[in-house]
Protein backbone atom coordinates (compact mmCIF):
# COMPACT_ATOMS: atom_id res chain seq x y z
CA MET A 1 -25.01 -24.21 -15.50
CA SER A 2 -22.35 -26.83 -14.75
CA ASP A 3 -19.59 -24.38 -15.76
CA GLN A 4 -20.89 -21.67 -13.41
CA ARG A 5 -19.29 -21.54 -9.98
CA ASN A 6 -21.65 -21.24 -7.03
CA GLY A 7 -21.66 -21.32 -3.24
CA GLY A 8 -21.18 -25.08 -3.29
CA ASP A 9 -17.86 -24.58 -5.07
CA LEU A 10 -16.69 -22.31 -2.26
CA VAL A 11 -17.52 -24.99 0.29
CA VAL A 12 -15.60 -27.67 -1.62
CA GLU A 13 -12.65 -25.40 -2.43
CA THR A 14 -12.29 -24.28 1.18
CA LEU A 15 -12.41 -27.83 2.52
CA GLU A 16 -9.79 -28.95 0.02
CA ALA A 17 -7.58 -25.99 0.93
CA LEU A 18 -7.84 -26.99 4.59
CA GLY A 19 -6.66 -30.51 3.77
CA ALA A 20 -9.92 -32.45 3.61
CA LYS A 21 -9.77 -35.52 1.39
CA THR A 22 -12.96 -37.42 2.20
CA VAL A 23 -16.57 -36.46 2.91
CA PHE A 24 -19.34 -38.64 4.34
CA GLY A 25 -23.06 -38.11 4.00
CA ILE A 26 -26.19 -38.54 1.88
CA PRO A 27 -27.41 -36.21 -0.88
CA GLY A 28 -30.58 -34.19 -0.35
CA GLN A 29 -32.72 -31.71 -2.25
CA HIS A 30 -31.44 -28.56 -0.55
CA ALA A 31 -27.85 -29.84 -0.59
CA LEU A 32 -27.61 -30.51 -4.32
CA GLY A 33 -25.33 -27.50 -4.76
CA LEU A 34 -22.77 -29.20 -2.52
CA PHE A 35 -22.83 -32.41 -4.50
CA ASP A 36 -22.77 -30.66 -7.86
CA ALA A 37 -19.66 -28.80 -6.73
CA MET A 38 -17.99 -32.03 -5.58
CA GLY A 39 -18.17 -33.18 -9.18
CA ARG A 40 -15.77 -30.33 -10.05
CA GLY A 41 -13.48 -30.93 -7.10
CA ASN A 42 -11.24 -33.64 -5.69
CA LEU A 43 -13.06 -34.69 -2.53
CA HIS A 44 -13.82 -38.40 -2.24
CA PHE A 45 -17.44 -38.94 -1.22
CA VAL A 46 -18.58 -41.96 0.79
CA SER A 47 -22.36 -42.27 0.68
CA SER A 48 -23.89 -44.00 3.67
CA ARG A 49 -27.45 -45.26 3.82
CA VAL A 50 -28.55 -43.50 7.03
CA GLU A 51 -27.33 -40.08 8.19
CA ASN A 52 -26.61 -41.27 11.71
CA ASN A 53 -24.22 -43.81 10.24
CA SER A 54 -22.65 -41.07 8.11
CA ALA A 55 -21.90 -39.21 11.35
CA PHE A 56 -20.40 -42.35 12.90
CA ALA A 57 -18.30 -42.87 9.76
CA ALA A 58 -16.92 -39.32 9.84
CA ASP A 59 -16.21 -39.86 13.54
CA GLY A 60 -14.33 -43.10 12.84
CA TYR A 61 -12.37 -41.41 10.06
CA ALA A 62 -11.22 -38.69 12.48
CA ARG A 63 -10.32 -41.16 15.25
CA ALA A 64 -8.35 -43.43 12.94
CA THR A 65 -6.38 -40.67 11.19
CA GLY A 66 -6.20 -37.82 13.72
CA GLU A 67 -7.64 -35.58 10.98
CA VAL A 68 -10.94 -33.71 10.82
CA GLY A 69 -13.98 -35.72 9.76
CA VAL A 70 -16.26 -33.94 7.29
CA LEU A 71 -19.99 -34.61 7.08
CA PHE A 72 -22.50 -33.31 4.50
CA LEU A 73 -26.16 -33.33 5.56
CA SER A 74 -29.42 -32.46 3.89
CA THR A 75 -32.05 -30.27 5.56
CA GLY A 76 -34.58 -31.28 8.22
CA PRO A 77 -34.97 -35.07 8.55
CA GLY A 78 -31.47 -35.72 7.23
CA ALA A 79 -29.88 -33.27 9.62
CA LEU A 80 -31.92 -34.51 12.58
CA THR A 81 -31.14 -38.16 11.88
CA SER A 82 -27.44 -37.45 12.35
CA LEU A 83 -27.73 -36.10 15.88
CA ALA A 84 -27.23 -39.33 17.85
CA GLY A 85 -24.00 -39.96 15.97
CA LEU A 86 -22.88 -36.41 16.60
CA GLN A 87 -23.58 -36.85 20.30
CA GLU A 88 -20.94 -39.58 20.42
CA ALA A 89 -18.40 -37.36 18.64
CA TYR A 90 -19.21 -34.44 20.95
CA ALA A 91 -19.01 -36.53 24.12
CA THR A 92 -15.71 -38.10 23.05
CA GLY A 93 -14.10 -34.95 21.66
CA VAL A 94 -13.78 -35.95 18.01
CA PRO A 95 -12.97 -33.09 15.58
CA MET A 96 -15.58 -32.82 12.82
CA VAL A 97 -16.93 -30.14 10.49
CA VAL A 98 -20.59 -30.66 9.66
CA ILE A 99 -22.03 -28.87 6.63
CA ALA A 100 -25.83 -29.00 6.64
CA SER A 101 -28.02 -27.50 3.96
CA GLN A 102 -30.97 -25.24 4.77
CA ILE A 103 -34.18 -24.12 3.15
CA PRO A 104 -33.87 -20.93 1.04
CA LEU A 105 -33.20 -17.71 2.92
CA GLU A 106 -36.70 -16.37 2.42
CA GLY A 107 -38.11 -19.29 4.43
CA LEU A 108 -35.96 -18.72 7.51
CA GLY A 109 -37.36 -17.07 10.60
CA ALA A 110 -40.57 -17.36 12.55
CA ARG A 111 -42.90 -17.64 9.55
CA ARG A 112 -44.03 -21.03 8.31
CA LYS A 113 -43.99 -21.03 4.51
CA GLY A 114 -44.62 -24.76 4.23
CA MET A 115 -41.27 -25.50 2.61
CA LEU A 116 -40.11 -29.10 2.43
CA HIS A 117 -37.93 -30.09 5.44
CA GLN A 118 -38.56 -26.73 7.17
CA LEU A 119 -37.67 -26.46 10.87
CA ASP A 120 -38.23 -23.51 13.17
CA ASP A 121 -34.51 -23.37 13.97
CA GLN A 122 -32.49 -26.24 12.56
CA LYS A 123 -29.17 -25.29 14.12
CA ALA A 124 -30.81 -25.13 17.56
CA SER A 125 -31.44 -28.87 17.23
CA ALA A 126 -27.69 -29.40 17.00
CA ALA A 127 -26.83 -27.21 20.00
CA ASN A 128 -26.65 -30.16 22.42
CA VAL A 129 -24.28 -32.21 20.27
CA THR A 130 -21.87 -29.72 18.67
CA LYS A 131 -19.42 -27.13 19.97
CA SER A 132 -21.04 -24.29 18.03
CA GLN A 133 -23.48 -23.63 15.21
CA ARG A 134 -23.24 -21.13 12.34
CA LEU A 135 -25.70 -20.04 9.65
CA ILE A 136 -24.10 -18.63 6.50
CA GLN A 137 -26.32 -16.15 4.68
CA HIS A 138 -23.98 -14.92 1.93
CA ALA A 139 -21.61 -16.82 -0.34
CA SER A 140 -18.73 -14.48 0.44
CA GLY A 141 -18.87 -15.63 4.06
CA ILE A 142 -18.43 -19.32 3.27
CA PRO A 143 -14.59 -19.60 3.22
CA SER A 144 -14.07 -17.71 6.47
CA ALA A 145 -16.88 -19.53 8.28
CA ILE A 146 -15.53 -22.96 7.32
CA GLN A 147 -11.98 -21.94 8.20
CA ASP A 148 -13.16 -20.72 11.61
CA ALA A 149 -15.19 -23.90 12.16
CA TRP A 150 -12.18 -26.06 11.29
CA THR A 151 -10.05 -24.12 13.75
CA GLU A 152 -12.64 -24.60 16.47
CA ALA A 153 -13.01 -28.31 15.73
CA ILE A 154 -9.28 -29.00 16.19
CA SER A 155 -8.83 -26.72 19.22
CA SER A 156 -9.03 -28.52 22.55
CA PRO A 157 -11.49 -29.55 23.71
CA GLN A 158 -11.95 -30.89 20.21
CA GLY A 159 -15.36 -31.69 18.82
CA PRO A 160 -17.86 -31.35 15.99
CA VAL A 161 -18.82 -27.90 14.69
CA TRP A 162 -22.05 -27.23 12.79
CA ILE A 163 -22.42 -24.99 9.72
CA GLU A 164 -25.57 -24.63 7.66
CA VAL A 165 -25.94 -23.03 4.25
CA PRO A 166 -29.31 -22.20 2.65
CA GLN A 167 -30.17 -23.82 -0.65
CA ASN A 168 -30.03 -20.64 -2.68
CA VAL A 169 -26.65 -19.62 -1.19
CA LEU A 170 -25.29 -22.95 -2.40
CA LEU A 171 -26.84 -22.68 -5.86
CA ASP A 172 -26.70 -19.02 -6.85
CA PRO A 173 -23.85 -17.91 -9.17
CA ILE A 174 -21.05 -16.08 -7.38
CA MET A 175 -18.39 -13.48 -8.07
CA VAL A 176 -16.09 -14.71 -5.30
CA PRO A 177 -12.81 -15.98 -6.81
CA PRO A 178 -11.70 -19.59 -6.25
CA VAL A 179 -10.27 -20.32 -2.81
CA GLU A 180 -6.50 -20.69 -3.08
CA ASP A 181 -5.50 -21.24 0.52
CA ALA A 182 -7.03 -21.59 3.95
CA LEU A 183 -5.28 -21.79 7.29
CA ALA A 184 -6.61 -23.35 10.47
CA GLU A 185 -4.35 -23.79 13.49
CA ALA A 186 -5.49 -25.16 16.82
CA ALA A 187 -5.79 -22.54 19.52
CA ASP A 188 -3.13 -22.86 22.21
CA ASN A 189 -4.42 -24.30 25.49
CA PRO A 190 -1.52 -24.43 27.98
CA PRO A 191 -1.93 -24.72 31.76
CA ARG A 192 -1.71 -21.73 34.08
CA ILE A 193 1.79 -21.52 35.57
CA GLU A 194 0.65 -21.08 39.19
CA LEU A 195 -1.40 -24.27 38.92
CA VAL A 196 1.59 -26.16 37.54
CA ARG A 197 3.72 -24.94 40.45
CA GLU A 198 1.10 -26.07 42.96
CA ALA A 199 0.74 -29.46 41.29
CA VAL A 200 4.50 -29.96 41.37
CA LYS A 201 4.53 -29.24 45.13
CA TRP A 202 1.94 -31.93 45.68
CA LEU A 203 3.66 -34.45 43.41
CA ALA A 204 7.11 -33.86 44.89
CA GLU A 205 5.79 -34.77 48.34
CA ALA A 206 3.53 -37.64 47.30
CA LYS A 207 4.43 -41.08 48.60
CA ARG A 208 1.51 -42.86 46.97
CA PRO A 209 0.91 -41.07 43.65
CA ALA A 210 -1.34 -42.68 41.06
CA ILE A 211 -2.61 -41.66 37.64
CA ILE A 212 -5.93 -42.10 35.82
CA ALA A 213 -5.50 -41.63 32.06
CA GLY A 214 -8.75 -40.76 30.29
CA GLY A 215 -9.65 -40.18 26.68
CA GLY A 216 -8.26 -36.66 26.78
CA THR A 217 -4.79 -38.18 27.14
CA ARG A 218 -5.12 -39.76 23.72
CA ARG A 219 -6.77 -36.75 22.12
CA GLY A 220 -3.96 -34.55 23.43
CA ARG A 221 -1.35 -37.00 22.07
CA ALA A 222 0.13 -37.13 25.53
CA GLU A 223 1.10 -40.80 25.60
CA ALA A 224 4.88 -40.25 25.60
CA SER A 225 4.63 -37.57 28.30
CA LEU A 226 2.38 -39.80 30.39
CA LEU A 227 4.97 -42.57 30.32
CA LYS A 228 7.72 -40.16 31.39
CA LEU A 229 5.59 -38.72 34.19
CA ALA A 230 4.61 -42.13 35.54
CA GLU A 231 8.21 -43.31 35.60
CA LYS A 232 9.38 -40.04 37.14
CA LEU A 233 6.84 -40.38 39.96
CA ASP A 234 6.91 -44.18 40.13
CA ALA A 235 3.13 -43.94 39.90
CA PRO A 236 0.70 -46.73 38.93
CA VAL A 237 -1.42 -45.83 35.89
CA ILE A 238 -4.90 -47.03 35.04
CA CYS A 239 -6.61 -46.20 31.74
CA THR A 240 -10.30 -45.51 31.36
CA PRO A 241 -12.18 -47.08 28.41
CA GLY A 242 -11.60 -43.87 26.45
CA GLY A 243 -7.97 -43.80 27.51
CA ASN A 244 -7.32 -47.42 26.56
CA GLY A 245 -3.94 -47.50 24.83
CA ALA A 246 -2.60 -44.31 26.40
CA PHE A 247 -0.17 -46.31 28.56
CA PRO A 248 1.74 -49.52 27.69
CA TRP A 249 -0.44 -52.45 28.74
CA ASN A 250 2.35 -54.60 30.15
CA HIS A 251 4.44 -51.86 31.75
CA LYS A 252 5.45 -52.58 35.34
CA LEU A 253 3.34 -49.59 36.47
CA SER A 254 0.29 -50.44 34.34
CA LEU A 255 -2.99 -51.26 36.06
CA GLN A 256 -4.34 -51.74 32.55
CA SER A 257 -8.02 -50.76 32.25
CA TRP A 258 -9.74 -52.61 35.06
CA VAL A 259 -11.55 -49.50 36.33
CA GLU A 260 -14.71 -51.48 37.13
CA ASP A 261 -12.92 -53.68 39.64
CA ARG A 262 -13.08 -52.99 43.36
CA HIS A 263 -9.43 -53.92 43.86
CA MET A 264 -8.47 -51.06 41.56
CA THR A 265 -10.94 -48.72 43.22
CA ASP A 266 -9.39 -49.53 46.59
CA LEU A 267 -5.89 -48.81 45.27
CA LEU A 268 -6.89 -45.47 43.75
CA GLU A 269 -8.74 -44.44 46.89
CA ASP A 270 -5.51 -45.01 48.86
CA ALA A 271 -3.41 -42.68 46.69
CA ASP A 272 -2.28 -39.57 48.52
CA VAL A 273 -2.14 -37.64 45.22
CA LEU A 274 -4.23 -38.78 42.26
CA VAL A 275 -3.54 -37.23 38.84
CA VAL A 276 -6.62 -37.44 36.61
CA ILE A 277 -5.87 -36.64 32.96
CA GLY A 278 -8.65 -36.09 30.45
CA SER A 279 -11.43 -37.72 32.48
CA SER A 280 -14.40 -36.41 34.42
CA LEU A 281 -14.19 -39.31 36.91
CA GLY A 282 -17.59 -40.20 35.55
CA GLU A 283 -19.83 -43.20 35.95
CA VAL A 284 -17.58 -46.01 34.72
CA THR A 285 -14.26 -44.51 35.82
CA SER A 286 -15.55 -43.99 39.36
CA ASN A 287 -16.84 -47.59 39.47
CA TYR A 288 -20.37 -46.20 39.27
CA PHE A 289 -19.78 -43.35 41.70
CA THR A 290 -18.60 -45.60 44.53
CA PHE A 291 -15.10 -44.09 44.32
CA GLU A 292 -14.24 -42.24 47.56
CA PRO A 293 -10.64 -40.95 47.27
CA ARG A 294 -8.92 -40.09 50.52
CA GLY A 295 -6.04 -38.15 48.98
CA ARG A 296 -5.77 -34.98 46.95
CA ILE A 297 -6.74 -34.84 43.28
CA ILE A 298 -5.05 -33.00 40.43
CA GLN A 299 -7.50 -32.95 37.54
CA ILE A 300 -6.36 -31.93 34.05
CA ASP A 301 -8.91 -31.40 31.29
CA ALA A 302 -9.35 -29.17 28.27
CA GLU A 303 -13.06 -28.79 29.01
CA PRO A 304 -13.55 -26.48 32.02
CA ARG A 305 -16.99 -27.91 32.79
CA VAL A 306 -15.35 -31.25 33.57
CA LEU A 307 -13.09 -29.87 36.29
CA GLU A 308 -14.32 -30.81 39.77
CA SER A 309 -17.62 -31.97 38.27
CA ASN A 310 -17.52 -35.10 40.43
CA ARG A 311 -14.72 -34.54 42.95
CA PRO A 312 -13.03 -31.45 44.42
CA GLY A 313 -9.42 -31.00 43.47
CA LEU A 314 -6.82 -28.82 41.84
CA GLY A 315 -8.46 -28.27 38.47
CA ILE A 316 -6.11 -27.43 35.60
CA ARG A 317 -7.81 -26.44 32.39
CA ALA A 318 -5.41 -27.38 29.61
CA ASP A 319 -4.79 -29.66 26.69
CA ALA A 320 -3.43 -32.91 28.13
CA GLY A 321 -0.31 -32.87 25.98
CA GLN A 322 0.59 -29.31 26.91
CA ALA A 323 -0.22 -29.87 30.57
CA LEU A 324 1.95 -32.97 30.94
CA SER A 325 4.80 -31.30 29.08
CA ALA A 326 4.59 -28.37 31.48
CA LEU A 327 4.54 -30.68 34.50
CA LEU A 328 7.56 -32.60 33.26
CA GLU A 329 9.47 -29.41 32.64
CA ALA A 330 8.63 -28.12 36.10
CA LEU A 331 9.62 -31.45 37.65
CA ASP A 332 12.99 -31.41 35.91
CA GLY A 333 15.60 -31.42 38.65
CA VAL A 334 13.02 -32.23 41.32
CA GLU A 335 13.53 -35.50 43.12
CA PRO A 336 10.08 -36.80 44.15
CA ALA A 337 9.64 -38.64 47.42
CA THR A 338 10.25 -42.38 47.26
CA ALA A 339 7.02 -44.20 46.54
CA ASP A 340 5.90 -46.23 49.54
CA TRP A 341 2.55 -48.00 49.51
CA HIS A 342 2.55 -49.03 53.18
CA GLY A 343 5.89 -50.75 52.85
CA GLN A 344 5.28 -52.03 49.33
CA SER A 345 6.76 -50.73 46.08
CA ALA A 346 4.55 -49.41 43.33
CA GLN A 347 5.60 -52.21 41.00
CA ASP A 348 4.77 -54.92 43.52
CA LEU A 349 1.45 -53.25 44.28
CA VAL A 350 0.55 -53.23 40.59
CA ALA A 351 1.48 -56.89 40.19
CA ASP A 352 -0.50 -57.89 43.28
CA SER A 353 -3.53 -55.86 42.22
CA LEU A 354 -3.63 -57.42 38.77
CA LYS A 355 -3.31 -60.83 40.39
CA LEU A 356 -6.31 -60.09 42.62
CA VAL A 357 -8.35 -59.01 39.60
CA ASN A 358 -7.46 -62.22 37.80
CA GLU A 359 -8.33 -64.33 40.82
CA ARG A 360 -11.70 -62.60 41.11
CA LEU A 361 -12.49 -63.33 37.48
CA GLU A 362 -11.37 -66.93 37.77
CA SER A 363 -13.63 -67.39 40.79
CA GLN A 364 -16.64 -66.71 38.56
CA ASP A 365 -17.99 -68.92 35.78
CA LEU A 366 -16.34 -66.92 32.99
CA ALA A 367 -14.04 -69.38 31.24
CA LYS A 368 -15.93 -69.04 27.94
CA GLU A 369 -15.85 -65.24 28.03
CA LEU A 370 -12.17 -65.03 28.94
CA LYS A 371 -11.20 -67.45 26.16
CA PHE A 372 -13.45 -65.69 23.64
CA MET A 373 -11.83 -62.31 24.28
CA ALA A 374 -8.34 -63.87 24.33
CA ASP A 375 -9.00 -65.59 21.00
CA ILE A 376 -10.07 -62.30 19.40
CA ARG A 377 -7.00 -60.55 20.77
CA GLU A 378 -4.71 -63.29 19.48
CA ALA A 379 -6.26 -63.13 16.01
CA VAL A 380 -6.13 -59.35 15.60
CA PRO A 381 -2.78 -58.04 14.29
CA ALA A 382 -0.92 -55.90 16.80
CA ASP A 383 -1.26 -52.72 14.76
CA MET A 384 -4.91 -53.13 13.69
CA GLN A 385 -7.46 -50.54 14.74
CA THR A 386 -10.67 -51.89 16.28
CA PHE A 387 -14.14 -50.31 16.61
CA TRP A 388 -16.54 -51.57 19.27
CA ASP A 389 -20.28 -51.08 19.56
CA MET A 390 -22.23 -51.02 22.81
CA THR A 391 -22.32 -54.76 23.35
CA ILE A 392 -21.14 -57.23 26.00
CA SER A 393 -17.95 -57.98 24.07
CA ALA A 394 -17.15 -54.26 24.14
CA TYR A 395 -17.83 -54.00 27.85
CA TRP A 396 -15.29 -56.76 28.33
CA ALA A 397 -12.90 -54.98 25.99
CA TRP A 398 -13.16 -51.76 28.02
CA SER A 399 -11.37 -53.60 30.80
CA CYS A 400 -9.34 -56.37 29.16
CA TRP A 401 -8.33 -55.20 25.66
CA ASP A 402 -4.63 -54.62 25.09
CA ALA A 403 -4.57 -52.16 22.18
CA ARG A 404 -0.87 -52.94 21.49
CA GLU A 405 0.29 -50.83 18.54
CA GLY A 406 -3.27 -50.37 17.26
CA GLU A 407 -6.03 -48.05 18.38
CA PHE A 408 -9.08 -48.99 20.46
CA HIS A 409 -12.28 -47.09 19.63
CA SER A 410 -15.63 -47.54 21.34
CA ALA A 411 -18.90 -45.69 21.81
CA GLN A 412 -18.52 -45.14 25.53
CA GLY A 413 -18.78 -41.35 25.19
CA ALA A 414 -22.54 -41.15 24.60
CA GLY A 415 -23.24 -44.88 24.71
CA GLY A 416 -25.57 -45.08 21.72
CA LEU A 417 -26.03 -48.19 19.61
CA GLY A 418 -24.82 -48.58 16.05
CA PHE A 419 -21.33 -47.06 16.29
CA GLY A 420 -19.15 -50.08 15.57
CA PHE A 421 -19.61 -50.91 11.88
CA PRO A 422 -20.05 -47.44 10.31
CA SER A 423 -17.20 -45.96 12.35
CA ALA A 424 -15.01 -48.84 11.20
CA ILE A 425 -15.94 -48.07 7.59
CA GLY A 426 -14.91 -44.45 8.10
CA GLY A 427 -11.75 -45.49 9.89
CA SER A 428 -10.74 -47.86 7.11
CA VAL A 429 -11.39 -45.26 4.42
CA GLY A 430 -9.28 -42.77 6.38
CA LEU A 431 -6.40 -45.15 6.92
CA GLU A 432 -6.23 -45.83 3.21
CA THR A 433 -5.79 -42.10 2.52
CA THR A 434 -2.79 -42.06 4.87
CA GLY A 435 -1.13 -45.07 3.24
CA LYS A 436 -1.49 -47.22 6.36
CA PRO A 437 -2.94 -50.75 6.43
CA SER A 438 -6.68 -50.19 6.12
CA ARG A 439 -8.09 -53.52 7.30
CA VAL A 440 -10.01 -52.90 10.55
CA LEU A 441 -12.24 -54.88 12.91
CA ALA A 442 -15.76 -53.89 13.94
CA VAL A 443 -17.53 -55.68 16.81
CA SER A 444 -21.29 -55.52 17.39
CA GLY A 445 -24.06 -57.45 19.06
CA ASP A 446 -27.12 -58.53 17.12
CA GLY A 447 -29.12 -55.62 18.54
CA SER A 448 -26.57 -52.95 17.70
CA ALA A 449 -25.84 -54.57 14.32
CA MET A 450 -29.39 -53.88 13.19
CA TYR A 451 -28.84 -50.15 13.69
CA SER A 452 -26.23 -50.15 10.95
CA ILE A 453 -27.00 -53.24 8.87
CA SER A 454 -27.74 -51.08 5.82
CA GLU A 455 -24.10 -49.99 5.75
CA LEU A 456 -23.23 -53.39 4.32
CA ALA A 457 -24.24 -51.72 1.06
CA THR A 458 -21.79 -48.89 1.71
CA ALA A 459 -18.97 -51.28 2.54
CA LYS A 460 -19.67 -53.31 -0.59
CA GLN A 461 -20.04 -50.27 -2.86
CA HIS A 462 -16.66 -48.87 -1.78
CA ASN A 463 -15.02 -52.29 -1.22
CA VAL A 464 -14.00 -51.22 2.29
CA PRO A 465 -11.77 -53.78 4.07
CA VAL A 466 -13.79 -54.12 7.27
CA THR A 467 -14.19 -57.43 9.06
CA TRP A 468 -17.41 -57.24 11.07
CA LEU A 469 -17.81 -59.58 14.03
CA ILE A 470 -21.46 -59.91 15.10
CA VAL A 471 -21.96 -61.66 18.45
CA ASP A 472 -25.59 -62.81 18.25
CA ASP A 473 -27.28 -63.63 21.56
CA GLY A 474 -30.84 -63.05 20.38
CA GLY A 475 -31.50 -59.79 22.17
CA TYR A 476 -30.17 -56.80 24.02
CA GLY A 477 -27.84 -58.93 26.11
CA ILE A 478 -26.59 -56.41 28.64
CA LEU A 479 -30.10 -55.08 29.29
CA ARG A 480 -31.32 -58.65 29.72
CA GLU A 481 -28.59 -59.21 32.30
CA TYR A 482 -29.35 -55.95 34.10
CA MET A 483 -33.07 -56.68 34.30
CA VAL A 484 -32.66 -60.26 35.48
CA GLY A 485 -30.23 -59.04 38.14
CA ALA A 486 -32.52 -56.24 39.29
CA PHE A 487 -35.99 -57.76 38.85
CA GLY A 488 -35.52 -61.50 38.43
CA GLN A 489 -36.75 -61.43 34.84
CA ALA A 490 -36.22 -59.48 31.64
CA THR A 491 -38.91 -57.68 29.67
CA ALA A 492 -38.73 -56.54 26.04
CA THR A 493 -35.08 -57.53 25.63
CA GLU A 494 -35.59 -60.48 23.26
CA LEU A 495 -35.32 -59.85 19.53
CA ALA A 496 -36.42 -61.57 16.36
CA ARG A 497 -33.27 -61.29 14.30
CA PRO A 498 -32.33 -62.15 10.74
CA ASP A 499 -29.99 -64.77 9.46
CA PHE A 500 -26.99 -62.43 9.42
CA VAL A 501 -25.01 -64.68 7.10
CA LYS A 502 -27.71 -64.76 4.44
CA LEU A 503 -28.38 -61.06 4.92
CA ALA A 504 -24.72 -60.17 4.40
CA GLU A 505 -24.54 -62.42 1.36
CA SER A 506 -27.59 -60.66 -0.11
CA PHE A 507 -25.44 -57.51 -0.19
CA GLY A 508 -22.66 -59.44 -1.89
CA VAL A 509 -20.59 -59.50 1.30
CA PRO A 510 -18.99 -62.86 2.26
CA ALA A 511 -20.09 -64.13 5.67
CA VAL A 512 -19.58 -67.15 7.87
CA ARG A 513 -21.18 -68.47 11.05
CA VAL A 514 -18.84 -70.16 13.52
CA ALA A 515 -18.87 -71.55 17.04
CA PRO A 516 -17.32 -69.38 19.79
CA GLU A 517 -14.23 -71.56 19.97
CA ASP A 518 -13.58 -70.98 16.25
CA VAL A 519 -13.82 -67.19 16.28
CA GLY A 520 -10.06 -66.69 16.13
CA GLN A 521 -9.52 -68.64 12.93
CA ALA A 522 -12.59 -67.10 11.31
CA LEU A 523 -11.27 -63.62 12.02
CA LYS A 524 -7.84 -64.48 10.64
CA ASP A 525 -9.49 -65.72 7.45
CA GLY A 526 -11.50 -62.52 7.24
CA PHE A 527 -8.43 -60.35 7.73
CA ALA A 528 -6.68 -62.15 4.86
CA ALA A 529 -9.55 -61.58 2.43
CA ASP A 530 -10.30 -58.62 0.17
CA GLY A 531 -13.06 -56.10 0.86
CA PRO A 532 -15.72 -56.40 3.58
CA ASN A 533 -16.70 -59.64 5.29
CA VAL A 534 -18.78 -60.75 8.24
CA VAL A 535 -18.20 -63.29 11.02
CA VAL A 536 -21.25 -64.32 13.05
CA VAL A 537 -20.98 -66.06 16.41
CA GLU A 538 -24.19 -67.22 18.08
CA THR A 539 -23.48 -67.33 21.79
CA LEU A 540 -24.58 -65.87 25.10
CA LEU A 541 -21.77 -64.01 26.87
CA LYS A 542 -21.96 -62.93 30.49
CA MET A 543 -20.39 -59.94 32.15
CA PHE A 544 -18.13 -60.29 35.16
CA ALA A 545 -20.00 -59.61 38.38
CA PRO A 546 -20.22 -55.92 39.23
CA THR A 547 -18.16 -54.73 42.19
CA HIS A 548 -20.01 -51.47 42.81
CA LEU A 549 -23.03 -53.18 44.40
């Protein structure tokens, strides 16, 4: 039947018409129609070893390229295993289209026919981690459903969208002609004009304006508008971990990303108007909910549930790019009040605040950590994209990493382990399709590395140029630190771990173990090599002391 078109062909044809080039996933019994159809199409398939890692890879692909990540899942256990990865994409606003197979139509509903992989309601399991869920029951509905899902995925707030297709709908012969074109355009999400006018009134009068740039700033491609707005208002700008890279790191108005420092919290609390772009003012950004602003807040976010979720303010539901463009247009010809931070200029305030942060760090026993992060930064090319797992090195990077011309990606949205390496694989694969340099850096701890260690096989199979830095401290380092700080001792944080060098080599992936002071040279050597490679550093890193206590 290989010459007979079926529902799987409609899926592949529609995705290709929408511009998809790459698909991530793992084959499964009910999804065989999808994979059979890929053999007649032009989609490049990257087979992971665990579905959760497939989701992370599709996520990394989308982040690195700005395109939609596509994920193919099998029914039941395969679909469920992907959910933690999808939670990260959903929390961070990453556009993805997820195609999951289903049991045959006759098995759906309340009855339990005992079919393999059967769930009572599979798409309900995805409801917490995707924007919407669709079940396609007829082949003729496949092109429109995928086109609609793609549109929803790229419309702000962006995110993953779930589609499931029963086995027989994928396999049965069809009369539907081949898909020739498909169109998906992001829905417009501009700000309401009366809210823009009110915001401009506040900003025109503000003497101590400041800006918090969250992840929505990057997703809305609002970086250029943010720079213009900050310079127009003479407003200091701080980036959240998700917003890292949205504002030039060394700009005279840049507070960089030190959101977990009390000196920055004090400054932001003193602002008379605080513009929050693409952030909920959540746990990390609010310095663990110790943030008590005394001025007025203008909060811009594409997700209406975010607005005023933590602080009252003028909530503007809009895509960040469209909102900042509207604000700049409305401010054209308006001369804002001269910035005056109690007799100090905004630029001097920024310089003094960064100096205070540096002095606080230097007052702690953190010389090894500061040098370690500086050595990594010096080794990484300015335009290289980096992918960080939930590990102490990443927590440092949230605050201290200068993304330069590259892109900084971390798992701070949902905070699950295992993001770094598979997302870097997806990012590298995506960059290659765009013709950009595809060498990327992944950073994990030994605990998080074990979540995705099987993807060494994926990286080797596809010869993906990922350099993976594993910082091995023999356990869940940040949890160890939290528990010792809270209880005086740590319980269940220590791990028996493998010899990562030998393990990588068993996959045919070159690996080296180096001392912390040699990490920079080891990374440079890895970047100059071909295909995947691993750098292991055995060391115990500490976090800077928290300022929210």
